[in-house]
Amino acid sequence: MILRLTAGALAALALAGCASFGKPGADELARLPVVRFGETVPAGQPFILHYPAGAPLPVEARIHGSLLEGEARSTLTVRTRQDVYTYKQWASLDGKNWKPGPEVIGGNFEIRVPGEQDGRNPGSMRAEFNLK
C-alpha cells in the first residue's frame, strides 16, 4: 500500500482552520516581529517565522498506533539551502515578496509499508520539498 500526498494537499488540510485567508498587506507584515527558528515567539501575537539558510531544522519521525506493540521515533536534521519566511499560509524567500505557500514550495510525501516489494523490504517514509 502506498500513500502519497502532495505538499500542497497537506498544506490545504493544515490551513483549513485558518480564519484569515486574505493576503497580508505590506504595512501589516512590517509591524510583525520576525522570529528566527529556535527563538522564543512573542506570547499571544502573530509573527513571521524565519528559517535561515543552513540552520539545522529538527524533524521528528514517529511511528505508533494500536496495531503496533510499541512506538519508534527518531529526530532527523535537515537544512534549507536559502532563507525561507512563513506567515500563516504565506511564504517568502526574501521576507518582502509574499505568495501562497504552495506557489513557493512544493513537494511530495510518500509512505510504503514493509514487505510491499518483495515480502522483506523495509517500509519507508519520504518527504520531498522543492522550490517552484
C-alpha atoms as a PDB file:
ATOM      1  CA  MET A   1       0.000   0.000   0.000  1.00  0.00           C
ATOM      2  CA  ILE A   2       1.367   3.400  -0.980  1.00  0.00           C
ATOM      3  CA  LEU A   3       0.079   6.657   0.445  1.00  0.00           C
ATOM      4  CA  ARG A   4       1.126   9.741  -1.495  1.00  0.00           C
ATOM      5  CA  LEU A   5       0.173  13.302  -0.771  1.00  0.00           C
ATOM      6  CA  THR A   6       1.472  16.455  -2.333  1.00  0.00           C
ATOM      7  CA  ALA A   7       2.794  19.184  -0.072  1.00  0.00           C
ATOM      8  CA  GLY A   8       0.040  21.431  -1.438  1.00  0.00           C
ATOM      9  CA  ALA A   9      -2.669  18.971  -0.385  1.00  0.00           C
ATOM     10  CA  LEU A  10      -1.213  18.725   3.110  1.00  0.00           C
ATOM     11  CA  ALA A  11      -0.913  22.496   3.351  1.00  0.00           C
ATOM     12  CA  ALA A  12      -4.547  22.883   2.314  1.00  0.00           C
ATOM     13  CA  LEU A  13      -5.635  20.433   5.012  1.00  0.00           C
ATOM     14  CA  ALA A  14      -3.477  22.107   7.639  1.00  0.00           C
ATOM     15  CA  LEU A  15      -4.776  25.557   6.741  1.00  0.00           C
ATOM     16  CA  ALA A  16      -8.452  24.620   6.678  1.00  0.00           C
ATOM     17  CA  GLY A  17      -8.874  26.036  10.180  1.00  0.00           C
ATOM     18  CA  CYS A  18      -7.248  29.396   9.462  1.00  0.00           C
ATOM     19  CA  ALA A  19      -9.677  32.264   9.789  1.00  0.00           C
ATOM     20  CA  SER A  20      -7.829  34.801   7.658  1.00  0.00           C
ATOM     21  CA  PHE A  21      -7.028  33.838   4.074  1.00  0.00           C
ATOM     22  CA  GLY A  22      -6.540  37.318   2.564  1.00  0.00           C
ATOM     23  CA  LYS A  23      -3.033  38.285   1.512  1.00  0.00           C
ATOM     24  CA  PRO A  24      -1.458  40.397   4.247  1.00  0.00           C
ATOM     25  CA  GLY A  25      -0.564  43.963   3.328  1.00  0.00           C
ATOM     26  CA  ALA A  26       2.996  45.278   3.392  1.00  0.00           C
ATOM     27  CA  ASP A  27       2.138  47.533   6.351  1.00  0.00           C
ATOM     28  CA  GLU A  28       0.731  44.583   8.332  1.00  0.00           C
ATOM     29  CA  LEU A  29       3.824  42.480   7.643  1.00  0.00           C
ATOM     30  CA  ALA A  30       6.168  45.354   8.536  1.00  0.00           C
ATOM     31  CA  ARG A  31       4.609  45.507  12.029  1.00  0.00           C
ATOM     32  CA  LEU A  32       5.097  41.807  12.738  1.00  0.00           C
ATOM     33  CA  PRO A  33       8.132  40.569  14.633  1.00  0.00           C
ATOM     34  CA  VAL A  34      10.398  38.209  12.699  1.00  0.00           C
ATOM     35  CA  VAL A  35      11.316  35.170  14.781  1.00  0.00           C
ATOM     36  CA  ARG A  36      14.241  33.041  13.716  1.00  0.00           C
ATOM     37  CA  PHE A  37      13.528  29.303  14.003  1.00  0.00           C
ATOM     38  CA  GLY A  38      14.508  28.184  17.515  1.00  0.00           C
ATOM     39  CA  GLU A  39      13.920  31.567  19.175  1.00  0.00           C
ATOM     40  CA  THR A  40      11.094  32.268  21.603  1.00  0.00           C
ATOM     41  CA  VAL A  41       7.927  33.508  19.923  1.00  0.00           C
ATOM     42  CA  PRO A  42       6.095  36.563  21.268  1.00  0.00           C
ATOM     43  CA  ALA A  43       3.250  35.497  23.550  1.00  0.00           C
ATOM     44  CA  GLY A  44      -0.221  35.946  22.131  1.00  0.00           C
ATOM     45  CA  GLN A  45       0.714  37.798  18.958  1.00  0.00           C
ATOM     46  CA  PRO A  46       1.285  36.799  15.340  1.00  0.00           C
ATOM     47  CA  PHE A  47       4.822  36.642  13.957  1.00  0.00           C
ATOM     48  CA  ILE A  48       6.791  35.835  10.827  1.00  0.00           C
ATOM     49  CA  LEU A  49       8.869  32.664  11.151  1.00  0.00           C
ATOM     50  CA  HIS A  50      12.313  32.766   9.508  1.00  0.00           C
ATOM     51  CA  TYR A  51      14.148  29.573   8.554  1.00  0.00           C
ATOM     52  CA  PRO A  52      17.726  30.771   7.917  1.00  0.00           C
ATOM     53  CA  ALA A  53      19.728  29.115   5.157  1.00  0.00           C
ATOM     54  CA  GLY A  54      21.923  26.384   6.585  1.00  0.00           C
ATOM     55  CA  ALA A  55      20.378  26.397  10.062  1.00  0.00           C
ATOM     56  CA  PRO A  56      19.650  22.929  11.493  1.00  0.00           C
ATOM     57  CA  LEU A  57      15.930  22.109  11.422  1.00  0.00           C
ATOM     58  CA  PRO A  58      14.976  19.067  13.521  1.00  0.00           C
ATOM     59  CA  VAL A  59      12.147  16.876  12.208  1.00  0.00           C
ATOM     60  CA  GLU A  60      10.677  14.131  14.378  1.00  0.00           C
ATOM     61  CA  ALA A  61       9.641  10.879  12.691  1.00  0.00           C
ATOM     62  CA  ARG A  62       7.253   8.798  14.804  1.00  0.00           C
ATOM     63  CA  ILE A  63       5.514   5.502  14.120  1.00  0.00           C
ATOM     64  CA  HIS A  64       2.857   4.354  16.569  1.00  0.00           C
ATOM     65  CA  GLY A  65      -0.700   3.102  16.844  1.00  0.00           C
ATOM     66  CA  SER A  66      -2.970   0.448  18.296  1.00  0.00           C
ATOM     67  CA  LEU A  67      -1.757  -2.138  15.758  1.00  0.00           C
ATOM     68  CA  LEU A  68       1.825  -1.873  16.993  1.00  0.00           C
ATOM     69  CA  GLU A  69       3.359  -3.225  20.223  1.00  0.00           C
ATOM     70  CA  GLY A  70       5.291  -0.054  20.842  1.00  0.00           C
ATOM     71  CA  GLU A  71       6.384   3.056  19.097  1.00  0.00           C
ATOM     72  CA  ALA A  72       9.548   4.174  17.379  1.00  0.00           C
ATOM     73  CA  ARG A  73      10.757   7.708  16.952  1.00  0.00           C
ATOM     74  CA  SER A  74      13.815   9.424  15.672  1.00  0.00           C
ATOM     75  CA  THR A  75      14.835  13.017  15.098  1.00  0.00           C
ATOM     76  CA  LEU A  76      16.296  13.847  11.711  1.00  0.00           C
ATOM     77  CA  THR A  77      18.027  17.128  10.917  1.00  0.00           C
ATOM     78  CA  VAL A  78      17.716  18.973   7.609  1.00  0.00           C
ATOM     79  CA  ARG A  79      18.856  22.411   6.440  1.00  0.00           C
ATOM     80  CA  THR A  80      17.387  24.766   3.853  1.00  0.00           C
ATOM     81  CA  ARG A  81      19.635  25.987   1.039  1.00  0.00           C
ATOM     82  CA  GLN A  82      18.259  29.511   1.306  1.00  0.00           C
ATOM     83  CA  ASP A  83      16.267  31.651   3.697  1.00  0.00           C
ATOM     84  CA  VAL A  84      12.541  30.920   3.917  1.00  0.00           C
ATOM     85  CA  TYR A  85       9.982  33.117   5.690  1.00  0.00           C
ATOM     86  CA  THR A  86       6.454  31.987   6.576  1.00  0.00           C
ATOM     87  CA  TYR A  87       3.395  33.771   7.909  1.00  0.00           C
ATOM     88  CA  LYS A  88       0.164  31.783   8.208  1.00  0.00           C
ATOM     89  CA  GLN A  89      -0.264  30.177   4.760  1.00  0.00           C
ATOM     90  CA  TRP A  90       2.092  32.663   3.058  1.00  0.00           C
ATOM     91  CA  ALA A  91       5.761  32.141   2.168  1.00  0.00           C
ATOM     92  CA  SER A  92       8.623  34.333   1.003  1.00  0.00           C
ATOM     93  CA  LEU A  93      12.239  33.742   0.051  1.00  0.00           C
ATOM     94  CA  ASP A  94      13.337  37.299   0.846  1.00  0.00           C
ATOM     95  CA  GLY A  95      10.906  38.432   3.568  1.00  0.00           C
ATOM     96  CA  LYS A  96       9.397  41.025   1.207  1.00  0.00           C
ATOM     97  CA  ASN A  97       7.639  39.294  -1.684  1.00  0.00           C
ATOM     98  CA  TRP A  98       4.881  37.028  -0.357  1.00  0.00           C
ATOM     99  CA  LYS A  99       2.909  34.335  -2.178  1.00  0.00           C
ATOM    100  CA  PRO A 100       0.664  31.466  -1.082  1.00  0.00           C
ATOM    101  CA  GLY A 101       2.969  28.783   0.328  1.00  0.00           C
ATOM    102  CA  PRO A 102       2.200  26.178  -2.374  1.00  0.00           C
ATOM    103  CA  GLU A 103       3.287  28.701  -5.051  1.00  0.00           C
ATOM    104  CA  VAL A 104       6.721  28.987  -3.421  1.00  0.00           C
ATOM    105  CA  ILE A 105       7.402  25.463  -2.150  1.00  0.00           C
ATOM    106  CA  GLY A 106       6.065  22.176  -3.473  1.00  0.00           C
ATOM    107  CA  GLY A 107       6.779  18.561  -2.776  1.00  0.00           C
ATOM    108  CA  ASN A 108       5.507  15.108  -2.026  1.00  0.00           C
ATOM    109  CA  PHE A 109       5.084  12.768   0.914  1.00  0.00           C
ATOM    110  CA  GLU A 110       5.177   9.006   0.434  1.00  0.00           C
ATOM    111  CA  ILE A 111       4.628   6.131   2.848  1.00  0.00           C
ATOM    112  CA  ARG A 112       5.244   2.487   1.904  1.00  0.00           C
ATOM    113  CA  VAL A 113       4.502  -0.481   4.150  1.00  0.00           C
ATOM    114  CA  PRO A 114       7.165  -3.117   4.886  1.00  0.00           C
ATOM    115  CA  GLY A 115       7.335  -6.074   2.501  1.00  0.00           C
ATOM    116  CA  GLU A 116       5.415  -4.362  -0.264  1.00  0.00           C
ATOM    117  CA  GLN A 117       8.027  -5.040  -2.963  1.00  0.00           C
ATOM    118  CA  ASP A 118       9.460  -8.450  -2.143  1.00  0.00           C
ATOM    119  CA  GLY A 119       7.982  -9.581   1.172  1.00  0.00           C
ATOM    120  CA  ARG A 120      11.002  -8.484   3.204  1.00  0.00           C
ATOM    121  CA  ASN A 121      11.979  -4.952   2.189  1.00  0.00           C
ATOM    122  CA  PRO A 122      11.707  -2.249   4.859  1.00  0.00           C
ATOM    123  CA  GLY A 123       8.886   0.254   4.839  1.00  0.00           C
ATOM    124  CA  SER A 124       9.701   3.845   4.020  1.00  0.00           C
ATOM    125  CA  MET A 125       8.530   7.365   4.713  1.00  0.00           C
ATOM    126  CA  ARG A 126       9.778  10.068   2.369  1.00  0.00           C
ATOM    127  CA  ALA A 127       9.288  13.795   2.209  1.00  0.00           C
ATOM    128  CA  GLU A 128      10.439  15.917  -0.713  1.00  0.00           C
ATOM    129  CA  PHE A 129      10.474  19.723  -0.709  1.00  0.00           C
ATOM    130  CA  ASN A 130      11.266  21.786  -3.813  1.00  0.00           C
ATOM    131  CA  LEU A 131      11.292  25.448  -4.736  1.00  0.00           C
ATOM    132  CA  LYS A 132       8.894  26.338  -7.507  1.00  0.00           C
END
